[in-house]
N, C-alpha and C. Protein backbone atom coordinates (compact mmCIF):
# COMPACT_ATOMS: atom_id res chain seq x y z
N VAL A 1 -97.44 134.77 -105.64
CA VAL A 1 -97.34 133.31 -105.61
C VAL A 1 -98.09 132.64 -104.39
N ARG A 2 -98.31 133.41 -103.32
CA ARG A 2 -98.93 132.71 -102.18
C ARG A 2 -100.34 132.79 -102.46
N ALA A 3 -100.90 133.80 -103.10
CA ALA A 3 -102.27 134.02 -103.51
C ALA A 3 -102.63 132.79 -104.41
N ALA A 4 -101.76 132.62 -105.46
CA ALA A 4 -102.12 131.63 -106.58
C ALA A 4 -102.15 130.19 -105.90
N ALA A 5 -101.16 129.92 -105.08
CA ALA A 5 -101.16 128.61 -104.52
C ALA A 5 -102.38 128.44 -103.51
N ALA A 6 -102.88 129.43 -102.82
CA ALA A 6 -103.96 129.31 -101.90
C ALA A 6 -105.32 129.26 -102.90
N LEU A 7 -105.34 129.90 -103.81
CA LEU A 7 -106.48 129.95 -104.82
C LEU A 7 -106.61 128.36 -105.44
N ILE A 8 -105.46 127.83 -105.79
CA ILE A 8 -105.42 126.50 -106.48
C ILE A 8 -105.98 125.54 -105.34
N SER A 9 -105.40 125.53 -104.06
CA SER A 9 -105.84 124.59 -103.19
C SER A 9 -107.24 124.70 -102.70
N LEU A 10 -107.69 125.99 -102.63
CA LEU A 10 -109.15 126.17 -102.33
C LEU A 10 -110.03 125.67 -103.53
N SER A 11 -109.67 125.94 -104.64
CA SER A 11 -110.43 125.35 -105.72
C SER A 11 -110.50 123.84 -105.76
N PHE A 12 -109.36 123.16 -105.39
CA PHE A 12 -109.22 121.89 -105.30
C PHE A 12 -110.08 121.22 -104.17
N GLY A 13 -110.19 121.98 -103.01
CA GLY A 13 -111.05 121.67 -101.88
C GLY A 13 -112.45 121.66 -102.30
N GLY A 14 -112.88 122.67 -102.98
CA GLY A 14 -114.23 122.85 -103.50
C GLY A 14 -114.57 121.72 -104.36
N ALA A 15 -113.73 121.43 -105.24
CA ALA A 15 -114.06 120.22 -106.26
C ALA A 15 -114.23 118.97 -105.55
N VAL A 16 -113.39 118.71 -104.57
CA VAL A 16 -113.38 117.40 -103.79
C VAL A 16 -114.59 117.34 -103.12
N GLY A 17 -115.24 118.58 -102.28
CA GLY A 17 -116.39 118.51 -101.68
C GLY A 17 -117.45 118.40 -102.59
N LEU A 18 -117.61 119.05 -103.62
CA LEU A 18 -118.80 119.00 -104.58
C LEU A 18 -118.83 117.46 -105.14
N MET A 19 -117.57 116.84 -105.30
CA MET A 19 -117.47 115.44 -105.68
C MET A 19 -118.19 114.46 -104.72
N PHE A 20 -117.95 114.76 -103.46
CA PHE A 20 -118.49 113.84 -102.48
C PHE A 20 -120.12 114.02 -102.37
N LEU A 21 -120.58 115.34 -102.71
CA LEU A 21 -121.94 115.54 -102.76
C LEU A 21 -122.68 114.80 -103.85
N MET A 22 -121.93 114.89 -105.01
CA MET A 22 -122.51 114.37 -106.24
C MET A 22 -122.45 112.82 -106.11
N LEU A 23 -121.40 112.27 -105.50
CA LEU A 23 -121.42 110.88 -105.32
C LEU A 23 -122.51 110.38 -104.28
N GLY A 24 -122.95 111.13 -103.40
CA GLY A 24 -124.02 110.78 -102.48
C GLY A 24 -125.38 111.03 -103.33
N CYS A 25 -125.40 111.62 -104.37
CA CYS A 25 -126.63 111.67 -105.07
C CYS A 25 -126.71 110.80 -106.19
N ALA A 26 -125.63 110.63 -107.06
CA ALA A 26 -125.65 109.94 -108.41
C ALA A 26 -125.19 108.54 -108.45
N LEU A 27 -124.58 108.00 -107.27
CA LEU A 27 -124.25 106.51 -107.45
C LEU A 27 -125.41 105.69 -107.63
N PRO A 28 -125.34 104.69 -108.41
CA PRO A 28 -126.55 103.88 -108.79
C PRO A 28 -127.29 103.33 -107.66
N GLN A 29 -126.63 102.97 -106.68
CA GLN A 29 -127.34 102.38 -105.33
C GLN A 29 -128.17 103.45 -104.67
N TYR A 30 -127.85 104.68 -104.73
CA TYR A 30 -128.37 105.75 -104.06
C TYR A 30 -129.42 106.39 -104.81
N ASN A 31 -129.02 107.13 -106.00
CA ASN A 31 -129.84 107.58 -107.09
C ASN A 31 -131.02 108.46 -106.55
N GLN A 32 -130.85 109.28 -105.61
CA GLN A 32 -131.74 110.27 -105.13
C GLN A 32 -131.10 111.59 -104.93
N TYR A 33 -131.62 112.60 -105.47
CA TYR A 33 -131.07 113.95 -105.65
C TYR A 33 -131.56 115.01 -104.64
N TRP A 34 -132.02 114.53 -103.43
CA TRP A 34 -132.60 115.28 -102.36
C TRP A 34 -131.38 116.07 -101.74
N PRO A 35 -130.13 115.41 -101.64
CA PRO A 35 -129.12 116.01 -100.88
C PRO A 35 -128.66 117.25 -101.65
N LEU A 36 -128.98 117.53 -102.94
CA LEU A 36 -128.47 118.81 -103.64
C LEU A 36 -129.05 119.92 -102.89
N PHE A 37 -130.01 119.85 -102.16
CA PHE A 37 -130.67 121.05 -101.32
C PHE A 37 -129.62 121.72 -100.39
N VAL A 38 -128.58 121.09 -100.08
CA VAL A 38 -127.51 121.58 -99.24
C VAL A 38 -126.75 122.70 -99.94
N LEU A 39 -126.79 122.71 -101.28
CA LEU A 39 -126.11 123.64 -102.17
C LEU A 39 -126.68 125.12 -101.70
N PHE A 40 -127.87 125.32 -101.34
CA PHE A 40 -128.47 126.48 -100.92
C PHE A 40 -127.67 127.05 -99.56
N PHE A 41 -127.42 126.10 -98.79
CA PHE A 41 -126.72 126.33 -97.57
C PHE A 41 -125.23 126.82 -97.82
N TYR A 42 -124.64 126.30 -98.93
CA TYR A 42 -123.25 126.65 -99.30
C TYR A 42 -123.16 128.17 -99.65
N ILE A 43 -124.32 128.45 -100.41
CA ILE A 43 -124.41 129.76 -101.05
C ILE A 43 -124.78 130.78 -99.82
N LEU A 44 -125.60 130.41 -99.05
CA LEU A 44 -126.03 131.28 -97.87
C LEU A 44 -125.06 131.49 -96.77
N SER A 45 -124.19 130.48 -96.61
CA SER A 45 -123.34 130.67 -95.38
C SER A 45 -122.34 131.74 -95.31
N PRO A 46 -121.65 132.20 -96.41
CA PRO A 46 -120.91 133.48 -96.17
C PRO A 46 -121.60 134.82 -96.12
N ILE A 47 -122.86 134.97 -96.58
CA ILE A 47 -123.54 136.11 -96.69
C ILE A 47 -123.65 136.96 -95.33
N PRO A 48 -123.91 136.39 -94.23
CA PRO A 48 -124.14 137.21 -93.07
C PRO A 48 -122.74 137.77 -92.66
N TYR A 49 -121.77 137.06 -92.76
CA TYR A 49 -120.38 137.66 -92.40
C TYR A 49 -119.93 138.68 -93.35
N CYS A 50 -120.21 138.40 -94.60
CA CYS A 50 -119.78 139.49 -95.63
C CYS A 50 -120.52 140.74 -95.40
N ILE A 51 -121.82 140.71 -94.99
CA ILE A 51 -122.64 141.84 -94.77
C ILE A 51 -122.13 142.66 -93.50
N ALA A 52 -121.77 141.74 -92.42
CA ALA A 52 -121.28 142.20 -91.29
C ALA A 52 -119.95 143.05 -91.35
N ARG A 53 -118.99 142.49 -92.32
CA ARG A 53 -117.69 143.20 -92.59
C ARG A 53 -117.94 144.41 -93.32
N ARG A 54 -118.98 144.53 -94.06
CA ARG A 54 -119.12 145.81 -94.84
C ARG A 54 -119.73 146.95 -93.89
N LEU A 55 -120.44 146.42 -92.94
CA LEU A 55 -121.24 147.52 -91.94
C LEU A 55 -120.36 147.81 -90.82
N VAL A 56 -119.52 147.07 -90.45
CA VAL A 56 -118.73 147.33 -89.12
C VAL A 56 -117.26 147.68 -89.52
N ASP A 57 -116.77 148.74 -88.70
CA ASP A 57 -115.37 149.06 -88.82
C ASP A 57 -114.58 147.79 -88.19
N ASP A 58 -113.34 147.69 -88.54
CA ASP A 58 -112.48 146.70 -88.00
C ASP A 58 -111.71 147.44 -86.77
N THR A 59 -112.43 147.63 -85.83
CA THR A 59 -111.77 148.28 -84.61
C THR A 59 -111.37 147.22 -83.79
N ASP A 60 -110.45 147.44 -82.66
CA ASP A 60 -110.09 146.35 -81.74
C ASP A 60 -111.03 146.17 -80.61
N ALA A 61 -112.29 146.47 -80.85
CA ALA A 61 -113.30 146.20 -79.81
C ALA A 61 -113.31 144.78 -79.38
N ALA A 62 -113.53 144.50 -78.04
CA ALA A 62 -113.46 143.06 -77.65
C ALA A 62 -114.84 142.44 -78.12
N SER A 63 -115.79 143.19 -78.27
CA SER A 63 -117.07 142.44 -78.59
C SER A 63 -117.85 143.47 -79.74
N ASN A 64 -118.44 142.85 -80.59
CA ASN A 64 -119.23 143.54 -81.56
C ASN A 64 -120.44 142.86 -81.98
N ALA A 65 -121.63 143.50 -81.60
CA ALA A 65 -122.93 142.86 -81.78
C ALA A 65 -123.20 142.33 -83.22
N CYS A 66 -122.98 143.16 -84.13
CA CYS A 66 -123.22 142.91 -85.55
C CYS A 66 -122.38 141.72 -85.91
N LYS A 67 -121.27 141.67 -85.80
CA LYS A 67 -120.40 140.54 -86.00
C LYS A 67 -120.71 139.26 -85.39
N GLU A 68 -121.16 139.33 -84.05
CA GLU A 68 -121.64 138.13 -83.29
C GLU A 68 -122.75 137.66 -83.89
N LEU A 69 -123.66 138.57 -84.28
CA LEU A 69 -124.98 138.09 -84.99
C LEU A 69 -124.71 137.38 -86.20
N ALA A 70 -123.76 137.87 -87.05
CA ALA A 70 -123.41 137.30 -88.32
C ALA A 70 -122.71 135.93 -88.01
N ILE A 71 -121.93 135.70 -86.96
CA ILE A 71 -121.42 134.46 -86.83
C ILE A 71 -122.39 133.60 -86.20
N PHE A 72 -123.45 134.01 -85.33
CA PHE A 72 -124.54 133.04 -84.89
C PHE A 72 -125.46 132.68 -86.11
N LEU A 73 -125.78 133.64 -87.06
CA LEU A 73 -126.41 133.14 -88.25
C LEU A 73 -125.72 132.10 -89.12
N THR A 74 -124.39 132.37 -89.21
CA THR A 74 -123.69 131.38 -90.13
C THR A 74 -123.51 130.22 -89.51
N THR A 75 -123.37 130.16 -88.14
CA THR A 75 -123.37 128.82 -87.38
C THR A 75 -124.63 127.94 -87.57
N GLY A 76 -125.79 128.81 -87.69
CA GLY A 76 -127.12 128.22 -87.83
C GLY A 76 -127.28 127.65 -89.19
N ILE A 77 -126.71 128.33 -90.25
CA ILE A 77 -126.80 127.90 -91.44
C ILE A 77 -125.97 126.59 -91.63
N VAL A 78 -124.70 126.54 -91.07
CA VAL A 78 -123.80 125.37 -91.21
C VAL A 78 -124.54 124.10 -90.59
N VAL A 79 -124.85 124.32 -89.35
CA VAL A 79 -125.64 123.30 -88.58
C VAL A 79 -126.81 122.67 -89.44
N SER A 80 -127.47 123.65 -90.14
CA SER A 80 -128.67 123.21 -90.89
C SER A 80 -128.31 122.29 -92.05
N ALA A 81 -127.09 122.70 -92.63
CA ALA A 81 -126.58 121.91 -93.70
C ALA A 81 -126.08 120.64 -93.39
N PHE A 82 -125.61 120.34 -92.12
CA PHE A 82 -125.36 119.14 -91.48
C PHE A 82 -126.63 118.35 -91.23
N GLY A 83 -127.55 118.92 -90.63
CA GLY A 83 -128.69 118.42 -90.21
C GLY A 83 -129.73 117.89 -91.40
N LEU A 84 -129.82 118.53 -92.40
CA LEU A 84 -130.67 118.33 -93.51
C LEU A 84 -130.46 116.85 -94.07
N PRO A 85 -129.27 116.35 -94.36
CA PRO A 85 -129.04 115.01 -94.83
C PRO A 85 -129.43 113.96 -93.74
N ILE A 86 -129.18 114.40 -92.53
CA ILE A 86 -129.51 113.43 -91.48
C ILE A 86 -131.04 113.23 -91.38
N VAL A 87 -131.75 114.36 -91.51
CA VAL A 87 -133.23 114.32 -91.47
C VAL A 87 -133.75 113.50 -92.75
N PHE A 88 -133.03 113.78 -93.98
CA PHE A 88 -133.54 112.95 -95.09
C PHE A 88 -133.34 111.44 -94.92
N ALA A 89 -132.15 111.05 -94.26
CA ALA A 89 -131.91 109.68 -93.98
C ALA A 89 -132.73 109.05 -93.00
N ARG A 90 -133.30 109.89 -92.01
CA ARG A 90 -134.19 109.35 -90.90
C ARG A 90 -135.48 109.18 -91.46
N ALA A 91 -135.85 110.05 -92.45
CA ALA A 91 -137.20 110.01 -93.19
C ALA A 91 -137.17 109.06 -94.26
N GLU A 92 -135.95 108.32 -94.51
CA GLU A 92 -135.80 107.33 -95.58
C GLU A 92 -135.93 107.91 -96.92
N LEU A 93 -135.73 109.06 -97.18
CA LEU A 93 -135.71 109.72 -98.49
C LEU A 93 -134.27 109.31 -99.16
N ILE A 94 -133.33 109.31 -98.27
CA ILE A 94 -132.04 108.87 -98.88
C ILE A 94 -131.40 107.73 -97.97
N TYR A 95 -130.41 107.05 -98.52
CA TYR A 95 -129.72 106.04 -97.72
C TYR A 95 -128.70 106.70 -96.85
N TRP A 96 -128.30 105.93 -95.76
CA TRP A 96 -127.36 106.40 -94.77
C TRP A 96 -125.89 106.51 -95.53
N GLY A 97 -125.68 105.64 -96.45
CA GLY A 97 -124.34 105.79 -97.24
C GLY A 97 -124.35 107.06 -97.84
N ALA A 98 -125.35 107.46 -98.50
CA ALA A 98 -125.40 108.74 -99.22
C ALA A 98 -125.44 109.92 -98.25
N CYS A 99 -126.05 109.77 -97.10
CA CYS A 99 -125.86 110.78 -96.02
C CYS A 99 -124.49 110.91 -95.52
N ALA A 100 -123.69 109.91 -95.47
CA ALA A 100 -122.30 109.92 -95.09
C ALA A 100 -121.50 110.55 -96.11
N LEU A 101 -121.70 110.26 -97.31
CA LEU A 101 -121.03 110.96 -98.45
C LEU A 101 -121.26 112.55 -98.36
N VAL A 102 -122.60 112.94 -98.18
CA VAL A 102 -122.96 114.37 -98.29
C VAL A 102 -122.34 114.99 -96.94
N LEU A 103 -122.26 114.42 -95.85
CA LEU A 103 -121.67 115.00 -94.67
C LEU A 103 -120.18 115.16 -94.76
N THR A 104 -119.62 114.26 -95.55
CA THR A 104 -118.19 114.45 -95.84
C THR A 104 -117.99 115.68 -96.81
N GLY A 105 -118.79 115.72 -97.69
CA GLY A 105 -118.73 116.88 -98.65
C GLY A 105 -119.02 118.13 -97.95
N ASN A 106 -119.83 118.12 -96.99
CA ASN A 106 -120.15 119.41 -96.25
C ASN A 106 -119.04 119.82 -95.37
N THR A 107 -118.23 118.85 -94.84
CA THR A 107 -117.12 119.18 -94.06
C THR A 107 -116.03 119.84 -94.97
N VAL A 108 -115.79 119.18 -96.14
CA VAL A 108 -114.89 119.78 -96.99
C VAL A 108 -115.18 121.00 -97.61
N ILE A 109 -116.46 121.23 -97.96
CA ILE A 109 -116.83 122.56 -98.48
C ILE A 109 -116.77 123.62 -97.54
N PHE A 110 -117.19 123.42 -96.31
CA PHE A 110 -117.18 124.41 -95.29
C PHE A 110 -115.79 124.73 -94.82
N ALA A 111 -114.94 123.76 -94.83
CA ALA A 111 -113.43 123.98 -94.36
C ALA A 111 -112.81 124.87 -95.52
N THR A 112 -113.25 124.61 -96.79
CA THR A 112 -112.92 125.41 -98.00
C THR A 112 -113.43 126.82 -97.84
N ILE A 113 -114.73 127.17 -97.53
CA ILE A 113 -115.12 128.44 -97.20
C ILE A 113 -114.33 129.14 -96.30
N LEU A 114 -114.10 128.33 -95.05
CA LEU A 114 -113.51 128.95 -94.03
C LEU A 114 -111.92 129.46 -94.51
N GLY A 115 -111.32 128.47 -95.17
CA GLY A 115 -110.05 128.77 -95.65
C GLY A 115 -110.01 129.99 -96.58
N PHE A 116 -111.08 130.08 -97.24
CA PHE A 116 -111.13 131.37 -98.13
C PHE A 116 -111.19 132.58 -97.42
N PHE A 117 -111.99 132.51 -96.34
CA PHE A 117 -112.08 133.90 -95.53
C PHE A 117 -110.75 134.13 -94.79
N LEU A 118 -110.14 132.98 -94.33
CA LEU A 118 -108.85 133.18 -93.63
C LEU A 118 -107.68 133.67 -94.46
N VAL A 119 -107.53 133.24 -95.88
CA VAL A 119 -106.60 133.61 -96.66
C VAL A 119 -106.81 134.97 -97.29
N PHE A 120 -108.06 135.22 -97.84
CA PHE A 120 -108.33 136.30 -98.52
C PHE A 120 -109.18 137.33 -97.71
N GLY A 121 -109.43 137.14 -96.43
CA GLY A 121 -110.20 137.91 -95.66
C GLY A 121 -109.43 139.17 -95.08
N SER A 122 -108.11 139.14 -95.03
CA SER A 122 -107.29 140.16 -94.40
C SER A 122 -107.30 141.28 -95.31
N ASN A 123 -106.94 142.51 -94.83
CA ASN A 123 -106.98 143.71 -95.71
C ASN A 123 -105.64 144.03 -96.34
N ASP A 124 -105.12 143.06 -97.07
CA ASP A 124 -103.83 143.31 -97.67
C ASP A 124 -103.90 143.33 -99.15
N ASP A 125 -102.73 143.13 -99.95
CA ASP A 125 -102.73 143.51 -101.24
C ASP A 125 -103.82 142.65 -102.06
N PHE A 126 -103.90 141.34 -101.78
CA PHE A 126 -104.85 140.57 -102.53
C PHE A 126 -106.15 140.11 -101.75
N SER A 127 -106.83 141.07 -101.25
CA SER A 127 -108.06 140.85 -100.53
C SER A 127 -109.16 140.68 -101.49
N TRP A 128 -110.08 139.99 -101.11
CA TRP A 128 -111.30 139.55 -102.03
C TRP A 128 -112.16 140.73 -102.15
N GLN A 129 -112.08 141.65 -101.19
CA GLN A 129 -112.99 142.91 -101.02
C GLN A 129 -112.83 143.70 -102.18
N GLN A 130 -111.55 143.81 -102.88
CA GLN A 130 -111.39 144.61 -103.99
C GLN A 130 -112.13 144.16 -105.23
N TRP A 131 -112.58 142.91 -105.26
CA TRP A 131 -113.22 142.57 -106.49
C TRP A 131 -114.65 142.84 -106.35
């Protein structure tokens, strides 16, 4: 029951985040689809952490270089996803209102990705790693 509720809320969060992204692209006053390039960052952001989880044992070490590198790379990807719409707005490729909608969508999507790893990242009965 807990997994189903978590999955439904995460899918709702993803839908709301993508709605904000699409509104920033498709509203008639904006009508520019440059912000869709942040979709690449959504796809790339969980990859370093997933690779690090597969390579490293879950020991109780205070520090792990592989996981720290994965978190560093993930942070760079997330910051780039927030920076790209701002660069587009500064270069006048998109309007600032579209930039605000894309940044809102980024916040919701990355919170959803974080929520996914918090809910399904533990090694219990319904872990995503078994899929």
